[in-house]
N, C-alpha and C. Protein backbone atom coordinates (compact mmCIF):
# COMPACT_ATOMS: atom_id res chain seq x y z
N UNK A 1 102.41 138.06 82.57
CA UNK A 1 101.92 136.85 82.00
C UNK A 1 102.03 137.13 80.46
N UNK A 2 102.38 136.04 79.76
CA UNK A 2 102.49 136.08 78.27
C UNK A 2 101.24 135.67 77.77
N UNK A 3 101.28 136.00 76.29
CA UNK A 3 100.02 135.73 75.58
C UNK A 3 100.13 134.10 75.34
N UNK A 4 101.12 133.38 75.36
CA UNK A 4 101.34 131.99 75.19
C UNK A 4 100.61 131.27 76.47
N UNK A 5 100.60 131.91 77.58
CA UNK A 5 100.05 131.16 78.90
C UNK A 5 98.44 131.14 78.65
N UNK A 6 97.72 131.98 77.83
CA UNK A 6 96.42 132.02 77.57
C UNK A 6 96.03 131.28 76.32
N UNK A 7 96.66 131.31 75.23
CA UNK A 7 96.53 130.59 74.17
C UNK A 7 96.91 129.01 74.16
N UNK A 8 96.15 128.18 74.07
CA UNK A 8 96.09 126.74 74.32
C UNK A 8 95.60 126.10 73.01
N UNK A 9 96.30 125.15 72.62
CA UNK A 9 95.84 124.10 71.52
C UNK A 9 94.92 123.26 72.30
N UNK A 10 93.63 123.19 71.94
CA UNK A 10 92.65 122.31 72.68
C UNK A 10 93.12 120.76 72.44
N UNK A 11 93.61 120.35 71.36
CA UNK A 11 93.86 119.13 71.14
C UNK A 11 95.05 118.57 71.92
N UNK A 12 96.06 119.44 72.33
CA UNK A 12 97.17 119.04 73.22
C UNK A 12 97.19 119.35 74.49
N UNK A 13 96.04 120.01 75.04
CA UNK A 13 96.06 120.59 76.31
C UNK A 13 95.30 119.57 77.24
N UNK A 14 96.06 119.32 78.29
CA UNK A 14 95.47 118.55 79.37
C UNK A 14 95.38 119.21 80.52
N UNK A 15 94.12 119.38 81.08
CA UNK A 15 93.88 120.28 82.27
C UNK A 15 94.45 119.66 83.46
N UNK A 16 94.79 120.59 84.55
CA UNK A 16 95.43 120.02 85.66
C UNK A 16 94.33 119.03 86.53
N UNK A 17 93.03 119.22 86.32
CA UNK A 17 92.11 118.21 86.80
C UNK A 17 92.22 116.90 86.16
N UNK A 18 92.58 116.86 84.85
CA UNK A 18 92.69 115.69 84.08
C UNK A 18 93.94 114.88 84.57
N UNK A 19 95.05 115.76 84.88
CA UNK A 19 96.32 115.12 85.26
C UNK A 19 96.29 114.56 86.67
N UNK A 20 95.52 115.19 87.46
CA UNK A 20 95.27 114.86 88.85
C UNK A 20 94.42 113.48 88.68
N UNK A 21 93.40 113.39 87.92
CA UNK A 21 92.66 112.10 87.79
C UNK A 21 93.49 110.98 87.04
N UNK A 22 94.27 111.18 86.24
CA UNK A 22 95.29 110.17 85.74
C UNK A 22 96.13 109.82 86.89
N UNK A 23 96.59 110.63 87.75
CA UNK A 23 97.54 110.22 88.89
C UNK A 23 96.76 109.45 89.90
N UNK A 24 95.45 109.70 90.16
CA UNK A 24 94.68 109.11 91.18
C UNK A 24 94.51 107.57 90.47
N UNK A 25 93.89 107.60 89.39
CA UNK A 25 93.76 106.31 88.67
C UNK A 25 94.82 105.15 88.59
N UNK A 26 96.02 105.73 88.40
CA UNK A 26 97.17 105.05 88.36
C UNK A 26 97.58 104.72 89.76
N UNK A 27 97.37 105.53 90.83
CA UNK A 27 97.52 105.04 92.35
C UNK A 27 96.51 103.86 92.58
N UNK A 28 95.33 104.08 92.18
CA UNK A 28 94.37 103.10 92.55
C UNK A 28 94.37 101.69 91.84
N UNK A 29 95.03 101.97 90.55
CA UNK A 29 95.15 100.66 89.89
C UNK A 29 96.48 99.83 90.55
N UNK A 30 97.59 100.66 91.00
CA UNK A 30 98.62 99.91 91.67
C UNK A 30 98.13 99.36 92.97
N UNK A 31 97.45 100.10 93.67
CA UNK A 31 96.79 99.44 94.91
C UNK A 31 96.18 98.23 94.74
N UNK A 32 95.21 98.22 93.76
CA UNK A 32 94.33 97.08 93.45
C UNK A 32 95.17 95.71 92.99
N UNK A 33 96.23 96.23 92.28
CA UNK A 33 97.02 95.31 91.91
C UNK A 33 97.82 94.37 93.09
N UNK A 34 97.99 95.18 94.02
CA UNK A 34 98.60 94.49 95.28
C UNK A 34 97.64 93.58 96.05
N UNK A 35 96.36 93.93 96.05
CA UNK A 35 95.21 93.03 96.89
C UNK A 35 94.54 92.07 95.93
N UNK A 36 94.87 92.10 94.68
CA UNK A 36 94.20 91.09 93.76
C UNK A 36 92.69 91.26 93.80
N UNK A 37 92.12 92.58 93.88
CA UNK A 37 90.51 92.56 93.92
C UNK A 37 90.34 93.13 92.39
N UNK A 38 88.84 93.12 92.15
CA UNK A 38 88.57 93.81 90.88
C UNK A 38 88.83 95.33 91.03
N UNK A 39 89.49 95.92 90.14
CA UNK A 39 89.65 97.28 90.26
C UNK A 39 88.66 98.31 90.10
N UNK A 40 87.75 98.55 90.98
CA UNK A 40 86.69 99.57 90.86
C UNK A 40 86.67 100.33 92.13
N UNK A 41 85.94 101.54 91.69
CA UNK A 41 85.86 102.61 92.83
C UNK A 41 84.52 103.27 92.68
N UNK A 42 83.76 103.52 93.66
CA UNK A 42 82.55 104.34 93.42
C UNK A 42 82.85 105.66 92.83
N UNK A 43 81.88 106.12 91.95
CA UNK A 43 82.00 107.19 91.25
C UNK A 43 82.30 108.45 91.97
N UNK A 44 81.59 108.68 93.00
CA UNK A 44 81.64 109.89 93.92
C UNK A 44 83.06 110.00 94.70
N UNK A 45 83.52 108.57 95.15
CA UNK A 45 84.62 108.66 95.74
C UNK A 45 85.73 108.99 94.97
N UNK A 46 85.86 108.58 93.64
CA UNK A 46 86.80 109.06 92.90
C UNK A 46 86.88 110.55 92.54
N UNK A 47 85.62 111.27 92.38
CA UNK A 47 85.51 112.57 92.27
C UNK A 47 85.91 113.29 93.62
N UNK A 48 85.80 112.70 94.78
CA UNK A 48 86.25 113.37 95.88
C UNK A 48 87.64 113.21 96.11
N UNK A 49 88.34 112.07 95.72
CA UNK A 49 89.80 111.85 95.71
C UNK A 49 90.52 112.97 94.82
N UNK A 50 89.76 113.03 93.61
CA UNK A 50 90.34 114.08 92.65
C UNK A 50 90.18 115.56 93.16
N UNK A 51 88.99 116.00 93.61
CA UNK A 51 89.12 117.33 94.40
C UNK A 51 89.76 117.58 95.55
N UNK A 52 90.34 116.70 96.14
CA UNK A 52 91.24 116.93 97.35
C UNK A 52 92.61 117.39 96.84
N UNK A 53 92.97 117.11 95.71
CA UNK A 53 94.32 117.54 95.27
C UNK A 53 94.29 119.00 94.60
N UNK A 54 95.29 119.68 94.86
CA UNK A 54 95.22 121.08 94.43
C UNK A 54 95.18 121.47 92.90
N UNK A 55 94.33 122.13 92.46
CA UNK A 55 94.09 122.53 91.24
C UNK A 55 92.94 121.83 90.64
N UNK A 56 92.20 120.97 91.46
CA UNK A 56 91.06 120.26 90.89
C UNK A 56 89.95 120.39 91.77
N UNK A 57 89.71 121.63 92.42
CA UNK A 57 88.70 121.78 93.35
C UNK A 57 87.35 121.80 92.54
N UNK A 58 87.31 122.01 91.41
CA UNK A 58 85.97 122.20 90.59
C UNK A 58 85.74 121.11 89.87
N UNK A 59 86.35 119.94 90.05
CA UNK A 59 86.22 118.67 89.55
C UNK A 59 84.96 117.97 89.77
N UNK A 60 83.88 117.68 88.72
CA UNK A 60 82.89 116.74 89.02
C UNK A 60 82.54 115.78 88.02
N UNK A 61 81.47 115.09 88.22
CA UNK A 61 81.05 113.93 87.44
C UNK A 61 81.19 114.43 85.86
N UNK A 62 80.63 115.53 85.53
CA UNK A 62 80.63 115.87 84.15
C UNK A 62 82.19 116.09 83.75
N UNK A 63 83.14 116.61 84.47
CA UNK A 63 84.44 116.72 84.18
C UNK A 63 85.17 115.32 83.89
N UNK A 64 84.65 114.22 84.72
CA UNK A 64 85.12 112.89 84.69
C UNK A 64 84.67 112.31 83.24
N UNK A 65 83.32 112.57 82.90
CA UNK A 65 82.94 112.04 81.64
C UNK A 65 83.48 112.75 80.38
N UNK A 66 83.66 113.89 80.44
CA UNK A 66 84.32 114.68 79.46
C UNK A 66 85.77 114.19 79.38
N UNK A 67 86.50 113.87 80.36
CA UNK A 67 87.69 113.50 80.36
C UNK A 67 87.90 112.03 79.85
N UNK A 68 86.95 111.27 80.15
CA UNK A 68 86.88 109.97 79.61
C UNK A 68 86.55 110.01 78.21
N UNK A 69 85.59 110.61 77.50
CA UNK A 69 85.30 110.85 76.21
C UNK A 69 86.63 111.55 75.28
N UNK A 70 87.36 112.55 75.86
CA UNK A 70 88.33 113.26 74.94
C UNK A 70 89.68 112.82 75.35
N UNK A 71 90.20 112.37 76.44
CA UNK A 71 91.46 112.07 76.72
C UNK A 71 91.80 110.47 76.84
N UNK A 72 92.79 110.36 75.67
CA UNK A 72 93.08 108.87 75.48
C UNK A 72 93.79 108.33 76.87
N UNK A 73 94.53 108.92 77.57
CA UNK A 73 95.09 108.48 78.71
C UNK A 73 94.07 108.09 79.70
N UNK A 74 93.07 108.71 79.91
CA UNK A 74 91.91 108.31 80.78
C UNK A 74 91.11 107.31 80.24
N UNK A 75 90.96 107.21 79.04
CA UNK A 75 90.26 106.17 78.40
C UNK A 75 91.07 104.91 78.35
N UNK A 76 92.35 104.85 78.55
CA UNK A 76 93.17 103.64 78.84
C UNK A 76 93.11 103.14 80.08
N UNK A 77 92.86 104.04 81.05
CA UNK A 77 92.84 103.61 82.43
C UNK A 77 91.53 103.07 82.97
N UNK A 78 90.28 103.57 82.09
CA UNK A 78 89.02 103.24 82.70
C UNK A 78 88.58 102.32 81.92
N UNK A 79 87.96 101.00 82.17
CA UNK A 79 87.32 100.33 81.25
C UNK A 79 85.77 100.63 81.06
N UNK A 80 85.02 100.92 82.17
CA UNK A 80 83.79 101.35 82.01
C UNK A 80 83.26 102.23 83.30
N UNK A 81 82.17 102.79 83.08
CA UNK A 81 81.57 103.46 84.21
C UNK A 81 80.19 102.86 84.22
N UNK A 82 79.69 102.36 85.19
CA UNK A 82 78.40 101.50 85.11
C UNK A 82 77.94 101.26 86.54
N UNK A 83 76.66 100.89 86.59
CA UNK A 83 76.02 100.53 88.02
C UNK A 83 76.36 99.02 88.30
N UNK A 84 76.64 98.90 89.66
CA UNK A 84 76.65 97.47 90.03
C UNK A 84 75.45 96.81 90.37
N UNK A 85 75.52 95.63 91.16
CA UNK A 85 74.20 94.91 91.35
C UNK A 85 73.37 95.84 92.36
N UNK A 86 74.04 96.48 93.23
CA UNK A 86 73.17 97.30 94.11
C UNK A 86 72.55 98.69 93.80
N UNK A 87 73.04 99.00 92.60
CA UNK A 87 72.55 100.28 91.92
C UNK A 87 73.48 101.52 92.09
N UNK A 88 74.75 101.35 92.78
CA UNK A 88 75.66 102.30 92.75
C UNK A 88 76.47 102.50 91.62
N UNK A 89 76.76 103.73 91.08
CA UNK A 89 77.76 103.90 90.06
C UNK A 89 79.17 103.59 90.48
N UNK A 90 79.78 102.75 89.63
CA UNK A 90 81.25 102.49 89.88
C UNK A 90 82.18 102.83 88.72
N UNK A 91 83.34 103.05 88.90
CA UNK A 91 84.24 103.33 87.77
C UNK A 91 85.11 102.10 87.80
N UNK A 92 85.31 101.21 86.82
CA UNK A 92 86.00 99.99 86.64
C UNK A 92 87.38 100.46 85.92
N UNK A 93 88.51 100.21 86.71
CA UNK A 93 89.82 100.53 86.39
C UNK A 93 90.54 99.39 85.58
N UNK A 94 91.30 99.78 84.49
CA UNK A 94 91.83 98.60 83.65
C UNK A 94 93.05 98.22 84.57
N UNK A 95 93.17 97.00 84.78
CA UNK A 95 94.05 96.28 85.54
C UNK A 95 95.56 96.48 84.91
N UNK A 96 96.55 96.58 85.82
CA UNK A 96 97.94 96.74 85.11
C UNK A 96 98.24 95.60 84.37
N UNK A 97 99.10 95.83 83.57
CA UNK A 97 99.82 94.59 82.68
C UNK A 97 100.39 93.60 83.49
N UNK A 98 99.85 92.35 83.47
CA UNK A 98 100.45 91.24 84.11
C UNK A 98 99.63 90.91 85.38
N UNK A 99 98.55 91.78 85.64
CA UNK A 99 97.70 91.48 86.56
C UNK A 99 96.50 90.71 86.23
N UNK A 100 96.29 90.53 84.97
CA UNK A 100 95.15 89.75 84.45
C UNK A 100 95.45 88.14 84.39
N UNK A 101 94.53 87.41 85.05
CA UNK A 101 94.76 85.95 85.05
C UNK A 101 94.70 85.51 83.54
N UNK A 102 96.06 84.91 83.07
CA UNK A 102 95.81 84.28 81.76
C UNK A 102 96.54 83.05 81.60
N UNK A 103 96.15 82.33 80.68
CA UNK A 103 96.83 80.96 80.44
C UNK A 103 97.78 80.82 79.25
N UNK A 104 98.28 81.79 79.03
CA UNK A 104 99.18 82.11 77.90
C UNK A 104 100.47 81.16 77.95
N UNK A 105 100.70 80.26 76.67
CA UNK A 105 101.75 79.35 76.71
C UNK A 105 102.81 79.96 75.62
N UNK A 106 103.86 79.72 75.94
CA UNK A 106 105.00 80.05 75.08
C UNK A 106 105.26 78.89 74.19
N UNK A 107 105.63 79.05 73.01
CA UNK A 107 106.08 77.98 72.05
C UNK A 107 107.31 77.16 72.70
N UNK A 108 107.34 75.97 72.66
CA UNK A 108 108.68 75.17 73.05
C UNK A 108 109.99 75.81 72.55
N UNK A 109 110.95 76.10 73.37
CA UNK A 109 112.21 76.63 73.04
C UNK A 109 112.98 75.75 72.43
N UNK A 110 114.05 76.01 72.22
CA UNK A 110 115.20 75.08 71.35
C UNK A 110 115.58 73.88 72.33
N UNK A 111 115.50 74.08 73.76
CA UNK A 111 115.85 73.00 74.61
C UNK A 111 114.75 72.39 74.91
N UNK A 112 113.49 72.70 74.60
CA UNK A 112 112.33 71.78 74.84
C UNK A 112 111.47 72.42 75.95
N UNK A 113 111.73 73.41 76.58
CA UNK A 113 110.92 73.71 77.74
C UNK A 113 109.95 75.02 77.33
N UNK A 114 108.58 74.72 77.54
CA UNK A 114 107.95 75.64 77.08
C UNK A 114 107.31 76.28 78.59
N UNK A 115 107.57 77.33 78.97
CA UNK A 115 107.00 77.75 80.33
C UNK A 115 105.92 78.79 79.98
N UNK A 116 104.99 78.89 80.95
CA UNK A 116 104.05 79.73 80.86
C UNK A 116 104.21 81.16 81.34
N UNK A 117 103.70 82.08 80.98
CA UNK A 117 103.85 83.52 81.37
C UNK A 117 102.52 83.82 81.97
N UNK A 118 102.58 84.85 83.00
CA UNK A 118 101.36 85.64 83.75
C UNK A 118 101.12 84.31 84.79
N UNK A 119 100.10 84.72 85.50
CA UNK A 119 99.61 84.18 86.58
C UNK A 119 98.58 82.94 86.09
N UNK A 120 98.74 81.80 86.59
CA UNK A 120 97.70 80.74 86.12
C UNK A 120 96.39 80.99 86.97
N UNK A 121 95.57 80.29 86.74
CA UNK A 121 94.20 80.37 87.49
C UNK A 121 94.54 79.41 88.62
N UNK A 122 94.43 79.82 89.83
CA UNK A 122 94.64 79.00 91.09
C UNK A 122 93.75 77.74 91.19
N UNK A 123 92.61 77.76 90.88
CA UNK A 123 91.93 76.45 90.68
C UNK A 123 92.42 75.58 89.84
N UNK A 124 92.72 76.04 88.66
CA UNK A 124 93.38 74.89 87.75
C UNK A 124 94.67 74.48 88.02
N UNK A 125 95.48 75.35 88.86
CA UNK A 125 96.82 74.94 89.32
C UNK A 125 96.58 73.87 90.47
N UNK A 126 95.73 74.00 91.40
CA UNK A 126 95.50 73.17 92.46
C UNK A 126 94.96 71.85 91.83
N UNK A 127 94.06 71.96 90.79
CA UNK A 127 93.60 70.71 90.36
C UNK A 127 94.67 69.94 89.61
N UNK A 128 95.45 70.49 88.91
CA UNK A 128 96.67 69.88 88.12
C UNK A 128 97.67 69.22 89.24
N UNK A 129 97.92 70.03 90.30
CA UNK A 129 98.81 69.50 91.33
C UNK A 129 98.17 68.29 91.93
N UNK A 130 96.93 68.20 92.20
CA UNK A 130 96.23 67.02 92.94
C UNK A 130 96.16 65.68 91.96
N UNK A 131 96.07 66.11 90.71
CA UNK A 131 96.06 64.92 89.70
C UNK A 131 97.32 64.33 89.66
N UNK A 132 98.23 65.09 89.55
CA UNK A 132 99.74 64.77 89.58
C UNK A 132 100.06 63.81 90.77
N UNK A 133 99.71 64.41 91.84
CA UNK A 133 100.03 63.55 93.15
C UNK A 133 99.35 62.31 93.24
N UNK A 134 97.95 62.23 92.70
CA UNK A 134 97.24 60.92 92.68
C UNK A 134 97.96 60.09 91.75
N UNK A 135 98.49 60.43 90.51
CA UNK A 135 98.93 59.47 89.56
C UNK A 135 100.37 59.06 90.30
N UNK A 136 101.18 59.82 91.06
CA UNK A 136 102.39 59.14 91.80
C UNK A 136 102.06 58.24 92.83
N UNK A 137 100.92 58.36 93.31
CA UNK A 137 100.55 57.30 94.33
C UNK A 137 100.25 56.07 93.80
N UNK A 138 99.86 55.87 92.43
CA UNK A 138 99.40 54.66 91.92
C UNK A 138 100.69 53.93 91.46
């Protein structure tokens, strides 16, 4: 082994456990994007998922908290770690871009069409469609 294998700059170093944590969080975020549910997972379940990947056998809750505090990539993937209504600790994952319901409107273009981007609120869409149908009947 070389000395460079042992000498590590602390600010640039990402441990294998943190890399596995980031990979698991990305996988979960993508999975929740497909089912349109609030992206969250129980704290112990996330720790168990990371521990099953090679190189992360010693991962625990303290490792997760440390990674959340010190690693920008982990902080960008996790919105918070808190209790839910039943008292269980959950890790809330930041949704992927485009997965958040927004009502953002684009300025009208040169041809006059202003199209919305992102998904509309389904209840608002249905309400608008029903009002439009009622106006056509009159």
